[in-house]
Amino acid sequence: MRILLVNPPRFQGIPVIREERCEITERYSVLPPYSLLQIAALLRQGGHQVFLIDANGENIAGVY
């Protein structure tokens, strides 16, 4: 199965750390989406083809 995991875009242009309770905004740093990376690894071990889009890290703007 082909699976796409997405880390959503920044909130009002400010990077958001979406781990735990998703309450941290940090203007000057971006952390990798560790939980999505762990999920991707498990899915790949299960034989799935996994793709990941890190819109927050890549500063890809959302469509509103």
PDB file of N, CA and C in Angstrom:
ATOM      1  N   MET A   1       0.841  -1.169   0.000  1.00  0.00           N
ATOM      2  CA  MET A   1       0.000   0.000   0.000  1.00  0.00           C
ATOM      3  C   MET A   1       0.894   1.243   0.000  1.00  0.00           C
ATOM      4  N   ARG A   2       0.503   2.269  -0.712  1.00  0.00           N
ATOM      5  CA  ARG A   2       1.217   3.542  -0.726  1.00  0.00           C
ATOM      6  C   ARG A   2       0.563   4.468   0.289  1.00  0.00           C
ATOM      7  N   ILE A   3       1.370   5.053   1.159  1.00  0.00           N
ATOM      8  CA  ILE A   3       0.852   5.884   2.246  1.00  0.00           C
ATOM      9  C   ILE A   3       1.586   7.220   2.246  1.00  0.00           C
ATOM     10  N   LEU A   4       0.830   8.308   2.403  1.00  0.00           N
ATOM     11  CA  LEU A   4       1.395   9.652   2.492  1.00  0.00           C
ATOM     12  C   LEU A   4       1.160  10.188   3.898  1.00  0.00           C
ATOM     13  N   LEU A   5       2.242  10.581   4.567  1.00  0.00           N
ATOM     14  CA  LEU A   5       2.161  11.222   5.879  1.00  0.00           C
ATOM     15  C   LEU A   5       2.495  12.699   5.690  1.00  0.00           C
ATOM     16  N   VAL A   6       1.730  13.581   6.339  1.00  0.00           N
ATOM     17  CA  VAL A   6       1.920  15.020   6.150  1.00  0.00           C
ATOM     18  C   VAL A   6       2.053  15.724   7.502  1.00  0.00           C
ATOM     19  N   ASN A   7       3.104  16.506   7.641  1.00  0.00           N
ATOM     20  CA  ASN A   7       3.241  17.422   8.764  1.00  0.00           C
ATOM     21  C   ASN A   7       2.696  18.757   8.266  1.00  0.00           C
ATOM     22  N   PRO A   8       1.585  19.256   8.819  1.00  0.00           N
ATOM     23  CA  PRO A   8       0.909  20.446   8.291  1.00  0.00           C
ATOM     24  C   PRO A   8       1.803  21.688   8.261  1.00  0.00           C
ATOM     25  N   PRO A   9       1.374  22.707   7.480  1.00  0.00           N
ATOM     26  CA  PRO A   9       2.175  23.924   7.346  1.00  0.00           C
ATOM     27  C   PRO A   9       2.252  24.725   8.641  1.00  0.00           C
ATOM     28  N   ARG A  10       3.083  25.730   8.604  1.00  0.00           N
ATOM     29  CA  ARG A  10       3.282  26.622   9.744  1.00  0.00           C
ATOM     30  C   ARG A  10       1.998  27.376  10.079  1.00  0.00           C
ATOM     31  N   PHE A  11       1.896  27.820  11.321  1.00  0.00           N
ATOM     32  CA  PHE A  11       0.733  28.577  11.778  1.00  0.00           C
ATOM     33  C   PHE A  11       1.064  30.057  11.709  1.00  0.00           C
ATOM     34  N   GLN A  12       0.397  30.771  10.836  1.00  0.00           N
ATOM     35  CA  GLN A  12       0.622  32.202  10.623  1.00  0.00           C
ATOM     36  C   GLN A  12       2.098  32.510  10.395  1.00  0.00           C
ATOM     37  N   GLY A  13       2.767  31.625   9.644  1.00  0.00           N
ATOM     38  CA  GLY A  13       4.163  31.822   9.294  1.00  0.00           C
ATOM     39  C   GLY A  13       5.156  31.445  10.374  1.00  0.00           C
ATOM     40  N   ILE A  14       4.667  30.974  11.532  1.00  0.00           N
ATOM     41  CA  ILE A  14       5.542  30.611  12.650  1.00  0.00           C
ATOM     42  C   ILE A  14       5.655  29.092  12.714  1.00  0.00           C
ATOM     43  N   PRO A  15       6.881  28.540  12.750  1.00  0.00           N
ATOM     44  CA  PRO A  15       7.040  27.088  12.870  1.00  0.00           C
ATOM     45  C   PRO A  15       6.382  26.555  14.138  1.00  0.00           C
ATOM     46  N   VAL A  16       5.758  25.400  14.041  1.00  0.00           N
ATOM     47  CA  VAL A  16       5.073  24.784  15.173  1.00  0.00           C
ATOM     48  C   VAL A  16       5.694  23.418  15.432  1.00  0.00           C
ATOM     49  N   ILE A  17       5.988  23.143  16.703  1.00  0.00           N
ATOM     50  CA  ILE A  17       6.479  21.825  17.094  1.00  0.00           C
ATOM     51  C   ILE A  17       5.259  20.987  17.431  1.00  0.00           C
ATOM     52  N   ARG A  18       4.937  20.015  16.599  1.00  0.00           N
ATOM     53  CA  ARG A  18       3.701  19.243  16.747  1.00  0.00           C
ATOM     54  C   ARG A  18       3.943  17.909  17.440  1.00  0.00           C
ATOM     55  N   GLU A  19       4.651  17.927  18.511  1.00  0.00           N
ATOM     56  CA  GLU A  19       4.853  16.740  19.332  1.00  0.00           C
ATOM     57  C   GLU A  19       4.098  16.954  20.637  1.00  0.00           C
ATOM     58  N   GLU A  20       3.762  15.888  21.294  1.00  0.00           N
ATOM     59  CA  GLU A  20       3.039  15.911  22.558  1.00  0.00           C
ATOM     60  C   GLU A  20       1.716  16.651  22.402  1.00  0.00           C
ATOM     61  N   ARG A  21       1.551  17.827  23.013  1.00  0.00           N
ATOM     62  CA  ARG A  21       0.257  18.518  22.982  1.00  0.00           C
ATOM     63  C   ARG A  21       0.162  19.571  21.880  1.00  0.00           C
ATOM     64  N   CYS A  22       1.169  19.681  21.054  1.00  0.00           N
ATOM     65  CA  CYS A  22       1.153  20.596  19.889  1.00  0.00           C
ATOM     66  C   CYS A  22       0.982  22.051  20.293  1.00  0.00           C
ATOM     67  N   GLU A  23       1.524  22.444  21.422  1.00  0.00           N
ATOM     68  CA  GLU A  23       1.311  23.805  21.901  1.00  0.00           C
ATOM     69  C   GLU A  23       2.525  24.711  21.743  1.00  0.00           C
ATOM     70  N   ILE A  24       3.595  24.212  21.186  1.00  0.00           N
ATOM     71  CA  ILE A  24       4.829  24.992  21.163  1.00  0.00           C
ATOM     72  C   ILE A  24       5.002  25.647  19.796  1.00  0.00           C
ATOM     73  N   THR A  25       5.162  26.954  19.807  1.00  0.00           N
ATOM     74  CA  THR A  25       5.548  27.670  18.589  1.00  0.00           C
ATOM     75  C   THR A  25       6.940  28.225  18.838  1.00  0.00           C
ATOM     76  N   GLU A  26       7.786  28.076  17.872  1.00  0.00           N
ATOM     77  CA  GLU A  26       9.178  28.499  18.021  1.00  0.00           C
ATOM     78  C   GLU A  26       9.572  29.239  16.763  1.00  0.00           C
ATOM     79  N   ARG A  27       9.770  30.538  16.883  1.00  0.00           N
ATOM     80  CA  ARG A  27      10.044  31.386  15.738  1.00  0.00           C
ATOM     81  C   ARG A  27      11.369  31.080  15.041  1.00  0.00           C
ATOM     82  N   TYR A  28      12.353  30.618  15.777  1.00  0.00           N
ATOM     83  CA  TYR A  28      13.700  30.553  15.223  1.00  0.00           C
ATOM     84  C   TYR A  28      14.250  29.144  15.030  1.00  0.00           C
ATOM     85  N   SER A  29      13.423  28.130  15.201  1.00  0.00           N
ATOM     86  CA  SER A  29      13.920  26.776  14.959  1.00  0.00           C
ATOM     87  C   SER A  29      12.789  25.861  14.510  1.00  0.00           C
ATOM     88  N   VAL A  30      13.171  24.817  13.799  1.00  0.00           N
ATOM     89  CA  VAL A  30      12.206  23.829  13.329  1.00  0.00           C
ATOM     90  C   VAL A  30      12.757  22.458  13.698  1.00  0.00           C
ATOM     91  N   LEU A  31      11.932  21.633  14.322  1.00  0.00           N
ATOM     92  CA  LEU A  31      12.340  20.277  14.675  1.00  0.00           C
ATOM     93  C   LEU A  31      11.721  19.280  13.709  1.00  0.00           C
ATOM     94  N   PRO A  32      12.412  18.195  13.409  1.00  0.00           N
ATOM     95  CA  PRO A  32      11.828  17.160  12.551  1.00  0.00           C
ATOM     96  C   PRO A  32      10.594  16.545  13.218  1.00  0.00           C
ATOM     97  N   PRO A  33       9.637  16.093  12.422  1.00  0.00           N
ATOM     98  CA  PRO A  33       8.435  15.456  12.980  1.00  0.00           C
ATOM     99  C   PRO A  33       8.751  14.019  13.411  1.00  0.00           C
ATOM    100  N   TYR A  34       9.373  13.868  14.585  1.00  0.00           N
ATOM    101  CA  TYR A  34       9.867  12.559  15.037  1.00  0.00           C
ATOM    102  C   TYR A  34       8.783  11.490  15.063  1.00  0.00           C
ATOM    103  N   SER A  35       7.583  11.832  15.528  1.00  0.00           N
ATOM    104  CA  SER A  35       6.529  10.811  15.608  1.00  0.00           C
ATOM    105  C   SER A  35       6.137  10.322  14.216  1.00  0.00           C
ATOM    106  N   LEU A  36       6.073  11.230  13.235  1.00  0.00           N
ATOM    107  CA  LEU A  36       5.752  10.804  11.868  1.00  0.00           C
ATOM    108  C   LEU A  36       6.874   9.942  11.294  1.00  0.00           C
ATOM    109  N   LEU A  37       8.112  10.260  11.637  1.00  0.00           N
ATOM    110  CA  LEU A  37       9.239   9.454  11.162  1.00  0.00           C
ATOM    111  C   LEU A  37       9.197   8.050  11.753  1.00  0.00           C
ATOM    112  N   GLN A  38       8.813   7.949  13.015  1.00  0.00           N
ATOM    113  CA  GLN A  38       8.690   6.631  13.644  1.00  0.00           C
ATOM    114  C   GLN A  38       7.563   5.828  13.003  1.00  0.00           C
ATOM    115  N   ILE A  39       6.441   6.490  12.744  1.00  0.00           N
ATOM    116  CA  ILE A  39       5.312   5.822  12.085  1.00  0.00           C
ATOM    117  C   ILE A  39       5.732   5.349  10.694  1.00  0.00           C
ATOM    118  N   ALA A  40       6.452   6.208   9.962  1.00  0.00           N
ATOM    119  CA  ALA A  40       6.913   5.843   8.620  1.00  0.00           C
ATOM    120  C   ALA A  40       7.817   4.614   8.669  1.00  0.00           C
ATOM    121  N   ALA A  41       8.711   4.558   9.656  1.00  0.00           N
ATOM    122  CA  ALA A  41       9.613   3.407   9.779  1.00  0.00           C
ATOM    123  C   ALA A  41       8.835   2.122  10.034  1.00  0.00           C
ATOM    124  N   LEU A  42       7.849   2.182  10.913  1.00  0.00           N
ATOM    125  CA  LEU A  42       7.040   0.994  11.204  1.00  0.00           C
ATOM    126  C   LEU A  42       6.250   0.545   9.979  1.00  0.00           C
ATOM    127  N   LEU A  43       5.698   1.506   9.245  1.00  0.00           N
ATOM    128  CA  LEU A  43       4.936   1.160   8.044  1.00  0.00           C
ATOM    129  C   LEU A  43       5.841   0.525   6.988  1.00  0.00           C
ATOM    130  N   ARG A  44       7.049   1.071   6.842  1.00  0.00           N
ATOM    131  CA  ARG A  44       7.998   0.498   5.878  1.00  0.00           C
ATOM    132  C   ARG A  44       8.400  -0.915   6.271  1.00  0.00           C
ATOM    133  N   GLN A  45       8.580  -1.145   7.565  1.00  0.00           N
ATOM    134  CA  GLN A  45       8.885  -2.500   8.035  1.00  0.00           C
ATOM    135  C   GLN A  45       7.738  -3.454   7.718  1.00  0.00           C
ATOM    136  N   GLY A  46       6.523  -2.916   7.671  1.00  0.00           N
ATOM    137  CA  GLY A  46       5.350  -3.723   7.343  1.00  0.00           C
ATOM    138  C   GLY A  46       5.154  -3.909   5.850  1.00  0.00           C
ATOM    139  N   GLY A  47       6.090  -3.399   5.044  1.00  0.00           N
ATOM    140  CA  GLY A  47       6.028  -3.614   3.605  1.00  0.00           C
ATOM    141  C   GLY A  47       5.315  -2.531   2.822  1.00  0.00           C
ATOM    142  N   HIS A  48       4.969  -1.426   3.468  1.00  0.00           N
ATOM    143  CA  HIS A  48       4.265  -0.343   2.781  1.00  0.00           C
ATOM    144  C   HIS A  48       5.266   0.633   2.162  1.00  0.00           C
ATOM    145  N   GLN A  49       4.825   1.310   1.117  1.00  0.00           N
ATOM    146  CA  GLN A  49       5.624   2.358   0.493  1.00  0.00           C
ATOM    147  C   GLN A  49       5.156   3.674   1.112  1.00  0.00           C
ATOM    148  N   VAL A  50       6.058   4.376   1.806  1.00  0.00           N
ATOM    149  CA  VAL A  50       5.672   5.547   2.591  1.00  0.00           C
ATOM    150  C   VAL A  50       6.333   6.802   2.037  1.00  0.00           C
ATOM    151  N   PHE A  51       5.556   7.871   1.959  1.00  0.00           N
ATOM    152  CA  PHE A  51       6.036   9.187   1.546  1.00  0.00           C
ATOM    153  C   PHE A  51       5.724  10.157   2.673  1.00  0.00           C
ATOM    154  N   LEU A  52       6.580  11.160   2.859  1.00  0.00           N
ATOM    155  CA  LEU A  52       6.392  12.135   3.931  1.00  0.00           C
ATOM    156  C   LEU A  52       6.566  13.536   3.376  1.00  0.00           C
ATOM    157  N   ILE A  53       5.608  14.399   3.659  1.00  0.00           N
ATOM    158  CA  ILE A  53       5.713  15.817   3.320  1.00  0.00           C
ATOM    159  C   ILE A  53       5.803  16.579   4.635  1.00  0.00           C
ATOM    160  N   ASP A  54       6.906  17.304   4.824  1.00  0.00           N
ATOM    161  CA  ASP A  54       7.075  18.128   6.019  1.00  0.00           C
ATOM    162  C   ASP A  54       6.850  19.585   5.619  1.00  0.00           C
ATOM    163  N   ALA A  55       5.587  19.985   5.543  1.00  0.00           N
ATOM    164  CA  ALA A  55       5.246  21.345   5.115  1.00  0.00           C
ATOM    165  C   ALA A  55       5.741  22.381   6.115  1.00  0.00           C
ATOM    166  N   ASN A  56       5.787  22.031   7.381  1.00  0.00           N
ATOM    167  CA  ASN A  56       6.293  22.933   8.415  1.00  0.00           C
ATOM    168  C   ASN A  56       7.793  23.159   8.223  1.00  0.00           C
ATOM    169  N   GLY A  57       8.546  22.094   8.089  1.00  0.00           N
ATOM    170  CA  GLY A  57       9.998  22.196   7.936  1.00  0.00           C
ATOM    171  C   GLY A  57      10.431  22.810   6.619  1.00  0.00           C
ATOM    172  N   GLU A  58       9.692  22.516   5.558  1.00  0.00           N
ATOM    173  CA  GLU A  58      10.027  23.036   4.230  1.00  0.00           C
ATOM    174  C   GLU A  58       9.402  24.403   3.967  1.00  0.00           C
ATOM    175  N   ASN A  59       8.636  24.904   4.934  1.00  0.00           N
ATOM    176  CA  ASN A  59       7.941  26.193   4.822  1.00  0.00           C
ATOM    177  C   ASN A  59       7.042  26.240   3.586  1.00  0.00           C
ATOM    178  N   ILE A  60       6.288  25.174   3.399  1.00  0.00           N
ATOM    179  CA  ILE A  60       5.315  25.104   2.312  1.00  0.00           C
ATOM    180  C   ILE A  60       4.022  25.718   2.830  1.00  0.00           C
ATOM    181  N   ALA A  61       3.545  26.743   2.175  1.00  0.00           N
ATOM    182  CA  ALA A  61       2.342  27.442   2.629  1.00  0.00           C
ATOM    183  C   ALA A  61       1.099  26.619   2.336  1.00  0.00           C
ATOM    184  N   GLY A  62       0.155  26.689   3.243  1.00  0.00           N
ATOM    185  CA  GLY A  62      -1.123  26.007   3.055  1.00  0.00           C
ATOM    186  C   GLY A  62      -2.056  26.838   2.199  1.00  0.00           C
ATOM    187  N   VAL A  63      -3.090  26.211   1.714  1.00  0.00           N
ATOM    188  CA  VAL A  63      -4.102  26.904   0.924  1.00  0.00           C
ATOM    189  C   VAL A  63      -5.295  27.144   1.832  1.00  0.00           C
ATOM    190  N   TYR A  64      -5.682  28.401   1.989  1.00  0.00           N
ATOM    191  CA  TYR A  64      -6.781  28.737   2.903  1.00  0.00           C
ATOM    192  C   TYR A  64      -7.937  29.345   2.156  1.00  0.00           C
TER     193      TYR A  64
END
